[in-house]
Amino acid sequence: MSAWKSAGITYLQYANICARAVRNSLKDDVRAVALRRDQNNLKFAKWENGVQKEQHFVNPPKNN
């Protein structure tokens, strides 16, 4: 049995834990770039009659 299964977590949770561990083990200059890549921005746009209306951020991005 896989270690992540025996720990009672999903593979996605396991992959996220591994990715976080790798990012935290990087040197400071490379870590900053990797942490920026970890951020997600989600936009929402309403469509009417086949035309996209104005887009809005669901969770606005943080300015670094």
PDB file of N, CA and C in Angstrom:
ATOM      1  N   MET A   1       0.839  -1.176   0.000  1.00  0.00           N
ATOM      2  CA  MET A   1       0.000   0.000   0.000  1.00  0.00           C
ATOM      3  C   MET A   1       0.888   1.245   0.000  1.00  0.00           C
ATOM      4  N   SER A   2       0.456   2.251  -0.732  1.00  0.00           N
ATOM      5  CA  SER A   2       1.226   3.492  -0.819  1.00  0.00           C
ATOM      6  C   SER A   2       1.244   4.203   0.529  1.00  0.00           C
ATOM      7  N   ALA A   3       2.320   4.948   0.747  1.00  0.00           N
ATOM      8  CA  ALA A   3       2.466   5.665   2.016  1.00  0.00           C
ATOM      9  C   ALA A   3       1.356   6.693   2.197  1.00  0.00           C
ATOM     10  N   TRP A   4       0.982   7.374   1.119  1.00  0.00           N
ATOM     11  CA  TRP A   4      -0.066   8.396   1.231  1.00  0.00           C
ATOM     12  C   TRP A   4      -1.421   7.773   1.511  1.00  0.00           C
ATOM     13  N   LYS A   5      -1.660   6.561   0.992  1.00  0.00           N
ATOM     14  CA  LYS A   5      -2.928   5.877   1.279  1.00  0.00           C
ATOM     15  C   LYS A   5      -2.982   5.428   2.729  1.00  0.00           C
ATOM     16  N   SER A   6      -1.873   4.895   3.204  1.00  0.00           N
ATOM     17  CA  SER A   6      -1.854   4.423   4.588  1.00  0.00           C
ATOM     18  C   SER A   6      -1.924   5.588   5.576  1.00  0.00           C
ATOM     19  N   ALA A   7      -1.503   6.782   5.129  1.00  0.00           N
ATOM     20  CA  ALA A   7      -1.606   7.968   5.977  1.00  0.00           C
ATOM     21  C   ALA A   7      -3.022   8.530   5.980  1.00  0.00           C
ATOM     22  N   GLY A   8      -3.865   8.034   5.077  1.00  0.00           N
ATOM     23  CA  GLY A   8      -5.259   8.461   5.051  1.00  0.00           C
ATOM     24  C   GLY A   8      -5.496   9.773   4.322  1.00  0.00           C
ATOM     25  N   ILE A   9      -4.604  10.104   3.359  1.00  0.00           N
ATOM     26  CA  ILE A   9      -4.788  11.329   2.587  1.00  0.00           C
ATOM     27  C   ILE A   9      -4.914  10.981   1.108  1.00  0.00           C
ATOM     28  N   THR A  10      -5.439  11.917   0.340  1.00  0.00           N
ATOM     29  CA  THR A  10      -5.576  11.693  -1.098  1.00  0.00           C
ATOM     30  C   THR A  10      -4.233  11.943  -1.786  1.00  0.00           C
ATOM     31  N   TYR A  11      -4.139  11.496  -3.023  1.00  0.00           N
ATOM     32  CA  TYR A  11      -2.900  11.714  -3.767  1.00  0.00           C
ATOM     33  C   TYR A  11      -2.662  13.200  -4.001  1.00  0.00           C
ATOM     34  N   LEU A  12      -3.724  13.963  -4.216  1.00  0.00           N
ATOM     35  CA  LEU A  12      -3.573  15.398  -4.429  1.00  0.00           C
ATOM     36  C   LEU A  12      -3.016  16.078  -3.175  1.00  0.00           C
ATOM     37  N   GLN A  13      -3.498  15.686  -2.013  1.00  0.00           N
ATOM     38  CA  GLN A  13      -2.962  16.240  -0.771  1.00  0.00           C
ATOM     39  C   GLN A  13      -1.491  15.862  -0.612  1.00  0.00           C
ATOM     40  N   TYR A  14      -1.155  14.620  -0.940  1.00  0.00           N
ATOM     41  CA  TYR A  14       0.232  14.149  -0.874  1.00  0.00           C
ATOM     42  C   TYR A  14       1.114  14.966  -1.813  1.00  0.00           C
ATOM     43  N   ALA A  15       0.650  15.190  -3.046  1.00  0.00           N
ATOM     44  CA  ALA A  15       1.427  15.950  -4.017  1.00  0.00           C
ATOM     45  C   ALA A  15       1.621  17.392  -3.559  1.00  0.00           C
ATOM     46  N   ASN A  16       0.596  17.983  -2.962  1.00  0.00           N
ATOM     47  CA  ASN A  16       0.714  19.348  -2.448  1.00  0.00           C
ATOM     48  C   ASN A  16       1.716  19.437  -1.302  1.00  0.00           C
ATOM     49  N   ILE A  17       1.718  18.454  -0.433  1.00  0.00           N
ATOM     50  CA  ILE A  17       2.676  18.422   0.679  1.00  0.00           C
ATOM     51  C   ILE A  17       4.096  18.307   0.137  1.00  0.00           C
ATOM     52  N   CYS A  18       4.293  17.442  -0.848  1.00  0.00           N
ATOM     53  CA  CYS A  18       5.628  17.275  -1.452  1.00  0.00           C
ATOM     54  C   CYS A  18       6.084  18.556  -2.133  1.00  0.00           C
ATOM     55  N   ALA A  19       5.188  19.196  -2.877  1.00  0.00           N
ATOM     56  CA  ALA A  19       5.536  20.442  -3.574  1.00  0.00           C
ATOM     57  C   ALA A  19       5.904  21.533  -2.576  1.00  0.00           C
ATOM     58  N   ARG A  20       5.154  21.622  -1.479  1.00  0.00           N
ATOM     59  CA  ARG A  20       5.443  22.627  -0.449  1.00  0.00           C
ATOM     60  C   ARG A  20       6.815  22.364   0.181  1.00  0.00           C
ATOM     61  N   ALA A  21       7.131  21.102   0.414  1.00  0.00           N
ATOM     62  CA  ALA A  21       8.429  20.749   1.004  1.00  0.00           C
ATOM     63  C   ALA A  21       9.576  21.125   0.069  1.00  0.00           C
ATOM     64  N   VAL A  22       9.391  20.883  -1.224  1.00  0.00           N
ATOM     65  CA  VAL A  22      10.431  21.237  -2.192  1.00  0.00           C
ATOM     66  C   VAL A  22      10.600  22.751  -2.259  1.00  0.00           C
ATOM     67  N   ARG A  23       9.492  23.496  -2.321  1.00  0.00           N
ATOM     68  CA  ARG A  23       9.584  24.961  -2.383  1.00  0.00           C
ATOM     69  C   ARG A  23      10.262  25.523  -1.136  1.00  0.00           C
ATOM     70  N   ASN A  24       9.951  24.965   0.028  1.00  0.00           N
ATOM     71  CA  ASN A  24      10.551  25.454   1.269  1.00  0.00           C
ATOM     72  C   ASN A  24      12.029  25.103   1.384  1.00  0.00           C
ATOM     73  N   SER A  25      12.493  24.107   0.649  1.00  0.00           N
ATOM     74  CA  SER A  25      13.897  23.710   0.736  1.00  0.00           C
ATOM     75  C   SER A  25      14.792  24.483  -0.231  1.00  0.00           C
ATOM     76  N   LEU A  26      14.207  25.307  -1.089  1.00  0.00           N
ATOM     77  CA  LEU A  26      14.985  26.066  -2.061  1.00  0.00           C
ATOM     78  C   LEU A  26      15.690  27.243  -1.393  1.00  0.00           C
ATOM     79  N   LYS A  27      16.752  27.731  -2.067  1.00  0.00           N
ATOM     80  CA  LYS A  27      17.434  28.935  -1.593  1.00  0.00           C
ATOM     81  C   LYS A  27      16.491  30.121  -1.747  1.00  0.00           C
ATOM     82  N   ASP A  28      16.753  31.183  -0.979  1.00  0.00           N
ATOM     83  CA  ASP A  28      15.830  32.312  -0.894  1.00  0.00           C
ATOM     84  C   ASP A  28      15.478  32.936  -2.240  1.00  0.00           C
ATOM     85  N   ASP A  29      16.465  33.166  -3.106  1.00  0.00           N
ATOM     86  CA  ASP A  29      16.176  33.839  -4.373  1.00  0.00           C
ATOM     87  C   ASP A  29      15.309  32.973  -5.288  1.00  0.00           C
ATOM     88  N   VAL A  30      15.568  31.693  -5.322  1.00  0.00           N
ATOM     89  CA  VAL A  30      14.775  30.774  -6.153  1.00  0.00           C
ATOM     90  C   VAL A  30      13.422  30.498  -5.509  1.00  0.00           C
ATOM     91  N   ARG A  31      13.386  30.486  -4.179  1.00  0.00           N
ATOM     92  CA  ARG A  31      12.142  30.225  -3.455  1.00  0.00           C
ATOM     93  C   ARG A  31      11.090  31.296  -3.739  1.00  0.00           C
ATOM     94  N   ALA A  32      11.520  32.549  -3.823  1.00  0.00           N
ATOM     95  CA  ALA A  32      10.574  33.641  -4.089  1.00  0.00           C
ATOM     96  C   ALA A  32       9.889  33.442  -5.437  1.00  0.00           C
ATOM     97  N   VAL A  33      10.641  33.023  -6.447  1.00  0.00           N
ATOM     98  CA  VAL A  33      10.059  32.775  -7.769  1.00  0.00           C
ATOM     99  C   VAL A  33       9.096  31.598  -7.700  1.00  0.00           C
ATOM    100  N   ALA A  34       9.468  30.548  -7.013  1.00  0.00           N
ATOM    101  CA  ALA A  34       8.620  29.362  -6.900  1.00  0.00           C
ATOM    102  C   ALA A  34       7.335  29.662  -6.125  1.00  0.00           C
ATOM    103  N   LEU A  35       7.423  30.476  -5.091  1.00  0.00           N
ATOM    104  CA  LEU A  35       6.231  30.820  -4.308  1.00  0.00           C
ATOM    105  C   LEU A  35       5.262  31.669  -5.122  1.00  0.00           C
ATOM    106  N   ARG A  36       5.785  32.523  -6.006  1.00  0.00           N
ATOM    107  CA  ARG A  36       4.902  33.311  -6.868  1.00  0.00           C
ATOM    108  C   ARG A  36       4.145  32.405  -7.827  1.00  0.00           C
ATOM    109  N   ARG A  37       4.780  31.341  -8.274  1.00  0.00           N
ATOM    110  CA  ARG A  37       4.141  30.397  -9.172  1.00  0.00           C
ATOM    111  C   ARG A  37       3.015  29.626  -8.475  1.00  0.00           C
ATOM    112  N   ASP A  38       3.059  29.578  -7.163  1.00  0.00           N
ATOM    113  CA  ASP A  38       2.064  28.840  -6.382  1.00  0.00           C
ATOM    114  C   ASP A  38       0.741  29.593  -6.248  1.00  0.00           C
ATOM    115  N   GLN A  39       0.739  30.896  -6.518  1.00  0.00           N
ATOM    116  CA  GLN A  39      -0.467  31.698  -6.352  1.00  0.00           C
ATOM    117  C   GLN A  39      -1.422  31.459  -7.518  1.00  0.00           C
ATOM    118  N   ASN A  40      -2.699  31.465  -7.214  1.00  0.00           N
ATOM    119  CA  ASN A  40      -3.727  31.274  -8.235  1.00  0.00           C
ATOM    120  C   ASN A  40      -4.628  32.495  -8.290  1.00  0.00           C
ATOM    121  N   ASN A  41      -4.995  32.855  -9.501  1.00  0.00           N
ATOM    122  CA  ASN A  41      -5.934  33.950  -9.701  1.00  0.00           C
ATOM    123  C   ASN A  41      -7.104  33.408 -10.501  1.00  0.00           C
ATOM    124  N   LEU A  42      -8.304  33.697 -10.043  1.00  0.00           N
ATOM    125  CA  LEU A  42      -9.497  33.195 -10.700  1.00  0.00           C
ATOM    126  C   LEU A  42     -10.346  34.366 -11.158  1.00  0.00           C
ATOM    127  N   LYS A  43     -10.670  34.363 -12.450  1.00  0.00           N
ATOM    128  CA  LYS A  43     -11.528  35.406 -13.005  1.00  0.00           C
ATOM    129  C   LYS A  43     -12.871  34.805 -13.375  1.00  0.00           C
ATOM    130  N   PHE A  44     -13.895  35.643 -13.317  1.00  0.00           N
ATOM    131  CA  PHE A  44     -15.243  35.241 -13.675  1.00  0.00           C
ATOM    132  C   PHE A  44     -15.748  36.212 -14.730  1.00  0.00           C
ATOM    133  N   ALA A  45     -16.330  35.686 -15.780  1.00  0.00           N
ATOM    134  CA  ALA A  45     -16.900  36.532 -16.825  1.00  0.00           C
ATOM    135  C   ALA A  45     -18.291  36.017 -17.166  1.00  0.00           C
ATOM    136  N   LYS A  46     -19.227  36.921 -17.273  1.00  0.00           N
ATOM    137  CA  LYS A  46     -20.589  36.567 -17.640  1.00  0.00           C
ATOM    138  C   LYS A  46     -20.717  36.658 -19.161  1.00  0.00           C
ATOM    139  N   TRP A  47     -21.409  35.702 -19.749  1.00  0.00           N
ATOM    140  CA  TRP A  47     -21.632  35.690 -21.188  1.00  0.00           C
ATOM    141  C   TRP A  47     -23.117  35.904 -21.465  1.00  0.00           C
ATOM    142  N   GLU A  48     -23.426  36.793 -22.392  1.00  0.00           N
ATOM    143  CA  GLU A  48     -24.797  37.045 -22.806  1.00  0.00           C
ATOM    144  C   GLU A  48     -24.855  37.077 -24.329  1.00  0.00           C
ATOM    145  N   ASN A  49     -25.712  36.259 -24.892  1.00  0.00           N
ATOM    146  CA  ASN A  49     -25.894  36.187 -26.345  1.00  0.00           C
ATOM    147  C   ASN A  49     -24.581  35.935 -27.085  1.00  0.00           C
ATOM    148  N   GLY A  50     -23.734  35.084 -26.528  1.00  0.00           N
ATOM    149  CA  GLY A  50     -22.478  34.726 -27.173  1.00  0.00           C
ATOM    150  C   GLY A  50     -21.395  35.779 -27.067  1.00  0.00           C
ATOM    151  N   VAL A  51     -21.588  36.809 -26.250  1.00  0.00           N
ATOM    152  CA  VAL A  51     -20.602  37.872 -26.085  1.00  0.00           C
ATOM    153  C   VAL A  51     -20.175  37.914 -24.624  1.00  0.00           C
ATOM    154  N   GLN A  52     -18.865  37.930 -24.424  1.00  0.00           N
ATOM    155  CA  GLN A  52     -18.331  37.970 -23.067  1.00  0.00           C
ATOM    156  C   GLN A  52     -18.427  39.386 -22.518  1.00  0.00           C
ATOM    157  N   LYS A  53     -18.955  39.511 -21.318  1.00  0.00           N
ATOM    158  CA  LYS A  53     -19.039  40.804 -20.627  1.00  0.00           C
ATOM    159  C   LYS A  53     -17.767  41.019 -19.819  1.00  0.00           C
ATOM    160  N   GLU A  54     -17.758  42.034 -18.986  1.00  0.00           N
ATOM    161  CA  GLU A  54     -16.573  42.388 -18.208  1.00  0.00           C
ATOM    162  C   GLU A  54     -16.145  41.251 -17.275  1.00  0.00           C
ATOM    163  N   GLN A  55     -14.833  41.074 -17.156  1.00  0.00           N
ATOM    164  CA  GLN A  55     -14.284  40.053 -16.275  1.00  0.00           C
ATOM    165  C   GLN A  55     -14.025  40.640 -14.892  1.00  0.00           C
ATOM    166  N   HIS A  56     -14.225  39.812 -13.867  1.00  0.00           N
ATOM    167  CA  HIS A  56     -13.973  40.220 -12.480  1.00  0.00           C
ATOM    168  C   HIS A  56     -13.159  39.121 -11.812  1.00  0.00           C
ATOM    169  N   PHE A  57     -12.222  39.529 -10.948  1.00  0.00           N
ATOM    170  CA  PHE A  57     -11.473  38.564 -10.152  1.00  0.00           C
ATOM    171  C   PHE A  57     -12.371  38.050  -9.040  1.00  0.00           C
ATOM    172  N   VAL A  58     -12.426  36.736  -8.868  1.00  0.00           N
ATOM    173  CA  VAL A  58     -13.150  36.146  -7.751  1.00  0.00           C
ATOM    174  C   VAL A  58     -12.355  36.388  -6.471  1.00  0.00           C
ATOM    175  N   ASN A  59     -11.033  36.199  -6.571  1.00  0.00           N
ATOM    176  CA  ASN A  59     -10.127  36.436  -5.457  1.00  0.00           C
ATOM    177  C   ASN A  59      -9.000  37.301  -6.024  1.00  0.00           C
ATOM    178  N   PRO A  60      -9.033  38.625  -5.822  1.00  0.00           N
ATOM    179  CA  PRO A  60      -8.039  39.506  -6.453  1.00  0.00           C
ATOM    180  C   PRO A  60      -6.619  39.099  -6.120  1.00  0.00           C
ATOM    181  N   PRO A  61      -5.701  39.220  -7.097  1.00  0.00           N
ATOM    182  CA  PRO A  61      -4.297  38.858  -6.844  1.00  0.00           C
ATOM    183  C   PRO A  61      -3.651  39.822  -5.871  1.00  0.00           C
ATOM    184  N   LYS A  62      -2.707  39.297  -5.112  1.00  0.00           N
ATOM    185  CA  LYS A  62      -1.963  40.137  -4.168  1.00  0.00           C
ATOM    186  C   LYS A  62      -0.775  40.740  -4.898  1.00  0.00           C
ATOM    187  N   ASN A  63      -0.543  42.015  -4.711  1.00  0.00           N
ATOM    188  CA  ASN A  63       0.611  42.678  -5.332  1.00  0.00           C
ATOM    189  C   ASN A  63       1.820  42.474  -4.463  1.00  0.00           C
ATOM    190  N   ASN A  64       2.905  41.975  -5.085  1.00  0.00           N
ATOM    191  CA  ASN A  64       4.139  41.733  -4.330  1.00  0.00           C
ATOM    192  C   ASN A  64       5.096  42.863  -4.508  1.00  0.00           C
TER     193      ASN A  64
END
